[in-house]
PDB file of N, CA and C in Angstrom:
ATOM      1  N   MET A   1       0.799  -1.192   0.017  1.00  0.00           N
ATOM      2  CA  MET A   1      -0.038  -0.009  -0.044  1.00  0.00           C
ATOM      3  C   MET A   1       0.894   1.255  -0.001  1.00  0.00           C
ATOM      4  N   GLY A   2       2.075   1.177   0.340  1.00  0.00           N
ATOM      5  CA  GLY A   2       2.986   2.274   0.271  1.00  0.00           C
ATOM      6  C   GLY A   2       2.954   3.216   1.336  1.00  0.00           C
ATOM      7  N   MET A   3       3.052   2.891   2.598  1.00  0.00           N
ATOM      8  CA  MET A   3       3.119   4.048   3.597  1.00  0.00           C
ATOM      9  C   MET A   3       4.126   3.567   4.714  1.00  0.00           C
ATOM     10  N   THR A   4       4.679   4.565   5.343  1.00  0.00           N
ATOM     11  CA  THR A   4       5.723   4.325   6.339  1.00  0.00           C
ATOM     12  C   THR A   4       5.038   3.828   7.690  1.00  0.00           C
ATOM     13  N   PHE A   5       5.819   3.270   8.542  1.00  0.00           N
ATOM     14  CA  PHE A   5       5.360   2.941   9.933  1.00  0.00           C
ATOM     15  C   PHE A   5       4.934   4.126  10.512  1.00  0.00           C
ATOM     16  N   ASP A   6       5.555   5.191  10.570  1.00  0.00           N
ATOM     17  CA  ASP A   6       5.123   6.359  11.241  1.00  0.00           C
ATOM     18  C   ASP A   6       3.808   6.960  10.742  1.00  0.00           C
ATOM     19  N   THR A   7       3.575   6.883   9.480  1.00  0.00           N
ATOM     20  CA  THR A   7       2.324   7.273   8.887  1.00  0.00           C
ATOM     21  C   THR A   7       1.237   6.421   9.356  1.00  0.00           C
ATOM     22  N   PHE A   8       1.533   5.087   9.407  1.00  0.00           N
ATOM     23  CA  PHE A   8       0.385   4.123   9.803  1.00  0.00           C
ATOM     24  C   PHE A   8       0.054   4.326  11.322  1.00  0.00           C
ATOM     25  N   MET A   9       1.083   4.612  12.038  1.00  0.00           N
ATOM     26  CA  MET A   9       0.822   4.823  13.593  1.00  0.00           C
ATOM     27  C   MET A   9       0.126   6.130  13.888  1.00  0.00           C
ATOM     28  N   ASN A  10       0.238   7.099  13.019  1.00  0.00           N
ATOM     29  CA  ASN A  10      -0.462   8.347  13.222  1.00  0.00           C
ATOM     30  C   ASN A  10      -1.748   8.473  12.587  1.00  0.00           C
ATOM     31  N   MET A  11      -2.159   7.418  11.854  1.00  0.00           N
ATOM     32  CA  MET A  11      -3.558   7.396  11.235  1.00  0.00           C
ATOM     33  C   MET A  11      -4.534   6.884  12.210  1.00  0.00           C
ATOM     34  N   SER A  12      -5.779   7.436  12.063  1.00  0.00           N
ATOM     35  CA  SER A  12      -6.902   6.912  12.720  1.00  0.00           C
ATOM     36  C   SER A  12      -7.421   5.690  11.958  1.00  0.00           C
ATOM     37  N   PRO A  13      -8.195   4.828  12.634  1.00  0.00           N
ATOM     38  CA  PRO A  13      -8.708   3.700  11.915  1.00  0.00           C
ATOM     39  C   PRO A  13      -9.624   4.134  10.660  1.00  0.00           C
ATOM     40  N   TRP A  14     -10.296   5.254  10.893  1.00  0.00           N
ATOM     41  CA  TRP A  14     -11.219   5.753   9.768  1.00  0.00           C
ATOM     42  C   TRP A  14     -10.362   6.240   8.583  1.00  0.00           C
ATOM     43  N   GLU A  15      -9.105   6.905   8.851  1.00  0.00           N
ATOM     44  CA  GLU A  15      -8.263   7.338   7.726  1.00  0.00           C
ATOM     45  C   GLU A  15      -7.710   6.131   7.083  1.00  0.00           C
ATOM     46  N   PHE A  16      -7.241   5.125   7.823  1.00  0.00           N
ATOM     47  CA  PHE A  16      -6.633   3.982   7.328  1.00  0.00           C
ATOM     48  C   PHE A  16      -7.595   3.119   6.382  1.00  0.00           C
ATOM     49  N   ARG A  17      -8.931   3.122   6.795  1.00  0.00           N
ATOM     50  CA  ARG A  17      -9.863   2.398   6.088  1.00  0.00           C
ATOM     51  C   ARG A  17     -10.044   3.153   4.675  1.00  0.00           C
ATOM     52  N   ILE A  18     -10.096   4.460   4.659  1.00  0.00           N
ATOM     53  CA  ILE A  18     -10.267   5.236   3.498  1.00  0.00           C
ATOM     54  C   ILE A  18      -9.129   4.916   2.582  1.00  0.00           C
ATOM     55  N   LYS A  19      -7.826   4.939   3.153  1.00  0.00           N
ATOM     56  CA  LYS A  19      -6.688   4.703   2.314  1.00  0.00           C
ATOM     57  C   LYS A  19      -6.801   3.318   1.734  1.00  0.00           C
ATOM     58  N   LEU A  20      -7.196   2.352   2.563  1.00  0.00           N
ATOM     59  CA  LEU A  20      -7.263   0.969   2.116  1.00  0.00           C
ATOM     60  C   LEU A  20      -8.280   0.817   1.003  1.00  0.00           C
ATOM     61  N   ASP A  21      -9.520   1.457   1.205  1.00  0.00           N
ATOM     62  CA  ASP A  21     -10.472   1.335   0.142  1.00  0.00           C
ATOM     63  C   ASP A  21      -9.998   1.936  -1.170  1.00  0.00           C
ATOM     64  N   ALA A  22      -9.281   3.078  -1.107  1.00  0.00           N
ATOM     65  CA  ALA A  22      -8.666   3.717  -2.368  1.00  0.00           C
ATOM     66  C   ALA A  22      -7.741   2.767  -2.953  1.00  0.00           C
ATOM     67  N   HIS A  23      -6.898   2.027  -2.144  1.00  0.00           N
ATOM     68  CA  HIS A  23      -5.846   1.132  -2.771  1.00  0.00           C
ATOM     69  C   HIS A  23      -6.574  -0.009  -3.336  1.00  0.00           C
ATOM     70  N   ILE A  24      -7.601  -0.599  -2.725  1.00  0.00           N
ATOM     71  CA  ILE A  24      -8.346  -1.732  -3.358  1.00  0.00           C
ATOM     72  C   ILE A  24      -8.956  -1.265  -4.618  1.00  0.00           C
ATOM     73  N   LYS A  25      -9.527  -0.134  -4.738  1.00  0.00           N
ATOM     74  CA  LYS A  25     -10.154   0.278  -6.093  1.00  0.00           C
ATOM     75  C   LYS A  25      -8.994   0.549  -7.139  1.00  0.00           C
ATOM     76  N   GLU A  26      -7.763   1.054  -6.691  1.00  0.00           N
ATOM     77  CA  GLU A  26      -6.779   1.194  -7.626  1.00  0.00           C
ATOM     78  C   GLU A  26      -6.278  -0.194  -8.163  1.00  0.00           C
ATOM     79  N   LEU A  27      -6.252  -1.223  -7.320  1.00  0.00           N
ATOM     80  CA  LEU A  27      -5.831  -2.549  -7.766  1.00  0.00           C
ATOM     81  C   LEU A  27      -6.896  -3.164  -8.679  1.00  0.00           C
ATOM     82  N   LYS A  28      -8.179  -2.893  -8.464  1.00  0.00           N
ATOM     83  CA  LYS A  28      -9.333  -3.320  -9.320  1.00  0.00           C
ATOM     84  C   LYS A  28      -9.100  -2.802 -10.680  1.00  0.00           C
ATOM     85  N   VAL A  29      -8.777  -1.445 -10.761  1.00  0.00           N
ATOM     86  CA  VAL A  29      -8.711  -0.676 -12.065  1.00  0.00           C
ATOM     87  C   VAL A  29      -7.486  -1.281 -12.817  1.00  0.00           C
ATOM     88  N   LYS A  30      -6.300  -1.500 -12.091  1.00  0.00           N
ATOM     89  CA  LYS A  30      -5.168  -2.176 -12.800  1.00  0.00           C
ATOM     90  C   LYS A  30      -5.498  -3.462 -13.279  1.00  0.00           C
ATOM     91  N   ASN A  31      -6.285  -4.237 -12.515  1.00  0.00           N
ATOM     92  CA  ASN A  31      -6.631  -5.640 -12.901  1.00  0.00           C
ATOM     93  C   ASN A  31      -7.556  -5.619 -14.174  1.00  0.00           C
ATOM     94  N   ASN A  32      -8.485  -4.698 -14.128  1.00  0.00           N
ATOM     95  CA  ASN A  32      -9.417  -4.587 -15.309  1.00  0.00           C
ATOM     96  C   ASN A  32      -8.601  -4.168 -16.572  1.00  0.00           C
ATOM     97  N   SER A  33      -7.647  -3.340 -16.391  1.00  0.00           N
ATOM     98  CA  SER A  33      -6.837  -2.914 -17.470  1.00  0.00           C
ATOM     99  C   SER A  33      -5.984  -4.159 -18.093  1.00  0.00           C
ATOM    100  N   ILE A  34      -5.499  -4.916 -17.185  1.00  0.00           N
ATOM    101  CA  ILE A  34      -4.765  -6.047 -17.677  1.00  0.00           C
ATOM    102  C   ILE A  34      -5.726  -7.155 -18.373  1.00  0.00           C
ATOM    103  N   ILE A  35      -6.944  -7.305 -17.970  1.00  0.00           N
ATOM    104  CA  ILE A  35      -7.882  -8.116 -18.601  1.00  0.00           C
ATOM    105  C   ILE A  35      -8.257  -7.614 -19.949  1.00  0.00           C
ATOM    106  N   VAL A  36      -8.436  -6.305 -20.018  1.00  0.00           N
ATOM    107  CA  VAL A  36      -8.769  -5.788 -21.367  1.00  0.00           C
ATOM    108  C   VAL A  36      -7.538  -5.897 -22.343  1.00  0.00           C
ATOM    109  N   GLN A  37      -6.407  -5.668 -21.909  1.00  0.00           N
ATOM    110  CA  GLN A  37      -5.270  -5.819 -22.789  1.00  0.00           C
ATOM    111  C   GLN A  37      -5.018  -7.257 -23.141  1.00  0.00           C
ATOM    112  N   SER A  38      -5.347  -8.212 -22.304  1.00  0.00           N
ATOM    113  CA  SER A  38      -5.183  -9.585 -22.693  1.00  0.00           C
ATOM    114  C   SER A  38      -6.290  -9.963 -23.829  1.00  0.00           C
ATOM    115  N   TRP A  39      -7.422  -9.407 -23.519  1.00  0.00           N
ATOM    116  CA  TRP A  39      -8.629  -9.654 -24.450  1.00  0.00           C
ATOM    117  C   TRP A  39      -8.240  -9.110 -25.875  1.00  0.00           C
ATOM    118  N   LEU A  40      -7.640  -7.943 -25.857  1.00  0.00           N
ATOM    119  CA  LEU A  40      -7.310  -7.353 -27.221  1.00  0.00           C
ATOM    120  C   LEU A  40      -6.238  -8.048 -27.791  1.00  0.00           C
ATOM    121  N   THR A  41      -5.294  -8.532 -27.044  1.00  0.00           N
ATOM    122  CA  THR A  41      -4.189  -9.356 -27.644  1.00  0.00           C
ATOM    123  C   THR A  41      -4.704 -10.673 -28.269  1.00  0.00           C
ATOM    124  N   THR A  42      -5.566 -11.286 -27.518  1.00  0.00           N
ATOM    125  CA  THR A  42      -6.220 -12.483 -28.068  1.00  0.00           C
ATOM    126  C   THR A  42      -7.021 -12.276 -29.332  1.00  0.00           C
ATOM    127  N   TYR A  43      -7.752 -11.145 -29.350  1.00  0.00           N
ATOM    128  CA  TYR A  43      -8.478 -10.808 -30.486  1.00  0.00           C
ATOM    129  C   TYR A  43      -7.635 -10.618 -31.709  1.00  0.00           C
ATOM    130  N   LEU A  44      -6.490  -9.883 -31.569  1.00  0.00           N
ATOM    131  CA  LEU A  44      -5.585  -9.433 -32.642  1.00  0.00           C
ATOM    132  C   LEU A  44      -4.860 -10.772 -33.163  1.00  0.00           C
ATOM    133  N   ILE A  45      -4.603 -11.751 -32.250  1.00  0.00           N
ATOM    134  CA  ILE A  45      -4.041 -12.991 -32.617  1.00  0.00           C
ATOM    135  C   ILE A  45      -5.071 -13.750 -33.481  1.00  0.00           C
ATOM    136  N   ARG A  46      -6.235 -13.743 -32.912  1.00  0.00           N
ATOM    137  CA  ARG A  46      -7.419 -14.498 -33.734  1.00  0.00           C
ATOM    138  C   ARG A  46      -7.474 -13.926 -35.094  1.00  0.00           C
ATOM    139  N   CYS A  47      -7.534 -12.496 -35.136  1.00  0.00           N
ATOM    140  CA  CYS A  47      -7.617 -11.859 -36.482  1.00  0.00           C
ATOM    141  C   CYS A  47      -6.496 -12.179 -37.483  1.00  0.00           C
ATOM    142  N   SER A  48      -5.317 -12.259 -36.935  1.00  0.00           N
ATOM    143  CA  SER A  48      -4.227 -12.501 -37.760  1.00  0.00           C
ATOM    144  C   SER A  48      -4.191 -13.915 -38.261  1.00  0.00           C
ATOM    145  N   ILE A  49      -4.647 -14.930 -37.385  1.00  0.00           N
ATOM    146  CA  ILE A  49      -4.801 -16.224 -37.903  1.00  0.00           C
ATOM    147  C   ILE A  49      -5.762 -16.351 -38.940  1.00  0.00           C
ATOM    148  N   VAL A  50      -6.982 -15.671 -38.717  1.00  0.00           N
ATOM    149  CA  VAL A  50      -8.030 -15.847 -39.738  1.00  0.00           C
ATOM    150  C   VAL A  50      -7.627 -15.193 -41.038  1.00  0.00           C
ATOM    151  N   SER A  51      -6.998 -13.967 -40.943  1.00  0.00           N
ATOM    152  CA  SER A  51      -6.594 -13.380 -42.125  1.00  0.00           C
ATOM    153  C   SER A  51      -5.533 -14.084 -42.901  1.00  0.00           C
ATOM    154  N   ALA A  52      -4.710 -14.937 -42.156  1.00  0.00           N
ATOM    155  CA  ALA A  52      -3.622 -15.619 -42.893  1.00  0.00           C
ATOM    156  C   ALA A  52      -4.138 -16.847 -43.612  1.00  0.00           C
ATOM    157  N   PHE A  53      -5.345 -17.381 -43.221  1.00  0.00           N
ATOM    158  CA  PHE A  53      -5.863 -18.564 -43.934  1.00  0.00           C
ATOM    159  C   PHE A  53      -7.148 -18.133 -44.843  1.00  0.00           C
ATOM    160  N   ASN A  54      -7.725 -17.074 -44.667  1.00  0.00           N
ATOM    161  CA  ASN A  54      -8.802 -16.499 -45.382  1.00  0.00           C
ATOM    162  C   ASN A  54      -8.468 -15.218 -46.135  1.00  0.00           C
ATOM    163  N   LYS A  55      -8.241 -15.266 -47.395  1.00  0.00           N
ATOM    164  CA  LYS A  55      -7.933 -14.143 -48.244  1.00  0.00           C
ATOM    165  C   LYS A  55      -8.788 -12.917 -48.186  1.00  0.00           C
ATOM    166  N   GLU A  56     -10.222 -13.286 -47.941  1.00  0.00           N
ATOM    167  CA  GLU A  56     -11.218 -12.323 -47.856  1.00  0.00           C
ATOM    168  C   GLU A  56     -11.214 -11.532 -46.547  1.00  0.00           C
ATOM    169  N   ALA A  57     -10.754 -12.206 -45.490  1.00  0.00           N
ATOM    170  CA  ALA A  57     -10.707 -11.480 -44.184  1.00  0.00           C
ATOM    171  C   ALA A  57      -9.566 -10.574 -44.140  1.00  0.00           C
ATOM    172  N   LYS A  58      -9.950  -9.357 -43.559  1.00  0.00           N
ATOM    173  CA  LYS A  58      -8.886  -8.377 -43.478  1.00  0.00           C
ATOM    174  C   LYS A  58      -8.508  -8.102 -41.966  1.00  0.00           C
ATOM    175  N   PHE A  59      -7.169  -7.838 -41.807  1.00  0.00           N
ATOM    176  CA  PHE A  59      -6.756  -7.525 -40.489  1.00  0.00           C
ATOM    177  C   PHE A  59      -7.229  -6.031 -40.205  1.00  0.00           C
ATOM    178  N   PRO A  60      -7.881  -5.927 -38.840  1.00  0.00           N
ATOM    179  CA  PRO A  60      -8.265  -4.505 -38.683  1.00  0.00           C
ATOM    180  C   PRO A  60      -7.208  -3.453 -38.701  1.00  0.00           C
ATOM    181  N   GLU A  61      -7.555  -2.280 -39.228  1.00  0.00           N
ATOM    182  CA  GLU A  61      -6.565  -1.213 -39.314  1.00  0.00           C
ATOM    183  C   GLU A  61      -6.241  -0.634 -38.005  1.00  0.00           C
ATOM    184  N   LEU A  62      -4.926  -0.276 -37.821  1.00  0.00           N
ATOM    185  CA  LEU A  62      -4.511   0.251 -36.579  1.00  0.00           C
ATOM    186  C   LEU A  62      -5.291   1.503 -36.234  1.00  0.00           C
ATOM    187  N   SER A  63      -5.655   2.420 -37.095  1.00  0.00           N
ATOM    188  CA  SER A  63      -6.288   3.556 -36.908  1.00  0.00           C
ATOM    189  C   SER A  63      -7.643   3.332 -36.208  1.00  0.00           C
ATOM    190  N   LYS A  64      -8.296   2.239 -36.657  1.00  0.00           N
ATOM    191  CA  LYS A  64      -9.582   1.835 -36.100  1.00  0.00           C
ATOM    192  C   LYS A  64      -9.470   1.349 -34.675  1.00  0.00           C
ATOM    193  N   LEU A  65      -8.373   0.746 -34.374  1.00  0.00           N
ATOM    194  CA  LEU A  65      -8.177   0.068 -33.075  1.00  0.00           C
ATOM    195  C   LEU A  65      -7.772   1.254 -32.088  1.00  0.00           C
ATOM    196  N   LEU A  66      -6.973   2.180 -32.572  1.00  0.00           N
ATOM    197  CA  LEU A  66      -6.559   3.282 -31.692  1.00  0.00           C
ATOM    198  C   LEU A  66      -7.591   4.335 -31.446  1.00  0.00           C
ATOM    199  N   ASN A  67      -8.522   4.543 -32.362  1.00  0.00           N
ATOM    200  CA  ASN A  67      -9.513   5.544 -32.415  1.00  0.00           C
ATOM    201  C   ASN A  67     -10.921   4.858 -32.672  1.00  0.00           C
ATOM    202  N   PRO A  68     -11.379   4.106 -31.704  1.00  0.00           N
ATOM    203  CA  PRO A  68     -12.614   3.414 -31.877  1.00  0.00           C
ATOM    204  C   PRO A  68     -13.919   4.251 -31.705  1.00  0.00           C
ATOM    205  N   ASP A  69     -13.776   5.504 -31.141  1.00  0.00           N
ATOM    206  CA  ASP A  69     -14.810   6.369 -30.925  1.00  0.00           C
ATOM    207  C   ASP A  69     -15.393   7.097 -32.114  1.00  0.00           C
ATOM    208  N   GLU A  70     -16.068   6.300 -33.063  1.00  0.00           N
ATOM    209  CA  GLU A  70     -16.696   6.867 -34.165  1.00  0.00           C
ATOM    210  C   GLU A  70     -18.031   7.455 -33.783  1.00  0.00           C
ATOM    211  N   PRO A  71     -18.456   8.454 -34.473  1.00  0.00           N
ATOM    212  CA  PRO A  71     -19.751   9.039 -34.122  1.00  0.00           C
ATOM    213  C   PRO A  71     -20.827   7.896 -34.363  1.00  0.00           C
ATOM    214  N   LYS A  72     -21.676   7.665 -33.395  1.00  0.00           N
ATOM    215  CA  LYS A  72     -22.722   6.696 -33.389  1.00  0.00           C
ATOM    216  C   LYS A  72     -23.867   7.258 -34.288  1.00  0.00           C
ATOM    217  N   LYS A  73     -24.439   6.352 -35.158  1.00  0.00           N
ATOM    218  CA  LYS A  73     -25.570   6.669 -35.995  1.00  0.00           C
ATOM    219  C   LYS A  73     -26.883   6.646 -35.094  1.00  0.00           C
ATOM    220  N   GLU A  74     -27.687   7.547 -35.427  1.00  0.00           N
ATOM    221  CA  GLU A  74     -28.933   7.683 -34.568  1.00  0.00           C
ATOM    222  C   GLU A  74     -29.884   6.555 -35.157  1.00  0.00           C
ATOM    223  N   GLN A  75     -30.604   5.963 -34.202  1.00  0.00           N
ATOM    224  CA  GLN A  75     -31.546   4.931 -34.666  1.00  0.00           C
ATOM    225  C   GLN A  75     -32.878   5.634 -34.846  1.00  0.00           C
ATOM    226  N   THR A  76     -33.708   5.145 -35.776  1.00  0.00           N
ATOM    227  CA  THR A  76     -35.019   5.486 -35.895  1.00  0.00           C
ATOM    228  C   THR A  76     -35.880   4.888 -34.889  1.00  0.00           C
ATOM    229  N   PRO A  77     -37.008   5.417 -34.653  1.00  0.00           N
ATOM    230  CA  PRO A  77     -37.892   4.646 -33.630  1.00  0.00           C
ATOM    231  C   PRO A  77     -38.256   3.192 -33.985  1.00  0.00           C
ATOM    232  N   GLU A  78     -38.425   3.053 -35.394  1.00  0.00           N
ATOM    233  CA  GLU A  78     -38.657   1.714 -35.879  1.00  0.00           C
ATOM    234  C   GLU A  78     -37.458   0.690 -35.612  1.00  0.00           C
ATOM    235  N   GLN A  79     -36.214   1.173 -35.855  1.00  0.00           N
ATOM    236  CA  GLN A  79     -34.971   0.354 -35.454  1.00  0.00           C
ATOM    237  C   GLN A  79     -34.862   0.136 -33.998  1.00  0.00           C
ATOM    238  N   MET A  80     -35.303   1.067 -33.191  1.00  0.00           N
ATOM    239  CA  MET A  80     -35.223   0.867 -31.713  1.00  0.00           C
ATOM    240  C   MET A  80     -36.267  -0.195 -31.357  1.00  0.00           C
ATOM    241  N   GLU A  81     -37.583  -0.220 -31.953  1.00  0.00           N
ATOM    242  CA  GLU A  81     -38.465  -1.056 -31.638  1.00  0.00           C
ATOM    243  C   GLU A  81     -38.045  -2.452 -31.991  1.00  0.00           C
ATOM    244  N   GLU A  82     -37.419  -2.539 -33.241  1.00  0.00           N
ATOM    245  CA  GLU A  82     -36.996  -3.839 -33.703  1.00  0.00           C
ATOM    246  C   GLU A  82     -35.905  -4.481 -32.833  1.00  0.00           C
ATOM    247  N   ALA A  83     -35.015  -3.616 -32.305  1.00  0.00           N
ATOM    248  CA  ALA A  83     -33.939  -4.118 -31.462  1.00  0.00           C
ATOM    249  C   ALA A  83     -34.547  -4.518 -30.131  1.00  0.00           C
ATOM    250  N   MET A  84     -35.463  -3.761 -29.504  1.00  0.00           N
ATOM    251  CA  MET A  84     -36.190  -4.258 -28.242  1.00  0.00           C
ATOM    252  C   MET A  84     -36.868  -5.605 -28.478  1.00  0.00           C
ATOM    253  N   ARG A  85     -37.589  -5.678 -29.692  1.00  0.00           N
ATOM    254  CA  ARG A  85     -38.359  -7.044 -29.992  1.00  0.00           C
ATOM    255  C   ARG A  85     -37.362  -8.202 -29.998  1.00  0.00           C
ATOM    256  N   SER A  86     -36.169  -7.987 -30.588  1.00  0.00           N
ATOM    257  CA  SER A  86     -35.228  -8.982 -30.608  1.00  0.00           C
ATOM    258  C   SER A  86     -34.657  -9.449 -29.258  1.00  0.00           C
ATOM    259  N   ILE A  87     -34.473  -8.464 -28.488  1.00  0.00           N
ATOM    260  CA  ILE A  87     -33.986  -8.648 -27.100  1.00  0.00           C
ATOM    261  C   ILE A  87     -34.970  -9.481 -26.269  1.00  0.00           C
ATOM    262  N   CYS A  88     -36.208  -8.974 -26.422  1.00  0.00           N
ATOM    263  CA  CYS A  88     -37.392  -9.592 -25.732  1.00  0.00           C
ATOM    264  C   CYS A  88     -37.539 -11.053 -26.092  1.00  0.00           C
ATOM    265  N   ILE A  89     -37.411 -11.358 -27.457  1.00  0.00           N
ATOM    266  CA  ILE A  89     -37.533 -12.730 -27.892  1.00  0.00           C
ATOM    267  C   ILE A  89     -36.434 -13.592 -27.388  1.00  0.00           C
ATOM    268  N   ALA A  90     -35.123 -12.948 -27.514  1.00  0.00           N
ATOM    269  CA  ALA A  90     -34.019 -13.776 -27.031  1.00  0.00           C
ATOM    270  C   ALA A  90     -34.055 -14.231 -25.666  1.00  0.00           C
ATOM    271  N   PHE A  91     -34.763 -13.343 -24.862  1.00  0.00           N
ATOM    272  CA  PHE A  91     -34.818 -13.712 -23.328  1.00  0.00           C
ATOM    273  C   PHE A  91     -36.078 -14.323 -23.060  1.00  0.00           C
ATOM    274  N   GLY A  92     -36.953 -14.696 -23.932  1.00  0.00           N
ATOM    275  CA  GLY A  92     -38.164 -15.546 -23.793  1.00  0.00           C
ATOM    276  C   GLY A  92     -39.253 -14.600 -23.253  1.00  0.00           C
ATOM    277  N   GLY A  93     -39.277 -13.331 -23.381  1.00  0.00           N
ATOM    278  CA  GLY A  93     -40.309 -12.458 -22.952  1.00  0.00           C
ATOM    279  C   GLY A  93     -41.488 -12.386 -23.910  1.00  0.00           C
ATOM    280  N   GLN A  94     -42.551 -11.758 -23.441  1.00  0.00           N
ATOM    281  CA  GLN A  94     -43.705 -11.657 -24.374  1.00  0.00           C
ATOM    282  C   GLN A  94     -43.791 -10.230 -24.814  1.00  0.00           C
ATOM    283  N   ILE A  95     -44.170 -10.006 -26.057  1.00  0.00           N
ATOM    284  CA  ILE A  95     -44.367  -8.717 -26.594  1.00  0.00           C
ATOM    285  C   ILE A  95     -45.888  -8.350 -26.418  1.00  0.00           C
ATOM    286  N   ILE A  96     -46.063  -7.192 -25.716  1.00  0.00           N
ATOM    287  CA  ILE A  96     -47.492  -6.718 -25.475  1.00  0.00           C
ATOM    288  C   ILE A  96     -47.626  -5.423 -26.373  1.00  0.00           C
ATOM    289  N   GLU A  97     -48.529  -5.473 -27.245  1.00  0.00           N
ATOM    290  CA  GLU A  97     -48.764  -4.284 -28.026  1.00  0.00           C
ATOM    291  C   GLU A  97     -49.700  -3.266 -27.352  1.00  0.00           C
ATOM    292  N   VAL A  98     -49.337  -2.128 -27.325  1.00  0.00           N
ATOM    293  CA  VAL A  98     -50.117  -1.087 -26.525  1.00  0.00           C
ATOM    294  C   VAL A  98     -50.621  -0.124 -27.653  1.00  0.00           C
ATOM    295  N   GLU A  99     -51.895   0.105 -27.589  1.00  0.00           N
ATOM    296  CA  GLU A  99     -52.506   1.098 -28.445  1.00  0.00           C
ATOM    297  C   GLU A  99     -52.319   2.541 -27.883  1.00  0.00           C
ATOM    298  N   GLY A 100     -52.004   3.466 -28.699  1.00  0.00           N
ATOM    299  CA  GLY A 100     -51.871   4.836 -28.167  1.00  0.00           C
ATOM    300  C   GLY A 100     -51.497   5.697 -29.173  1.00  0.00           C
TER     301      GLY A 100
END
């Protein structure tokens, strides 16, 4: 956690708990970062294998990987309704038509 013995001895239990909680959150963020990096590495390996054996498959461009935040297209109300119907059907729900 990175504190000296003197610092620890001068802390109240409340201050120590706050410092401990912050340290735990920091470790979770680092762990999630490692998981995401591992997933991306696996994805790129899979893409390279597929593109090596399939001439139609293309390896993703580096610019798309580095800048994935493209402007999202607005959905029409009909597209939103169709997406909700698909989700409802996938989870076994019932679709109730409401007049209005």
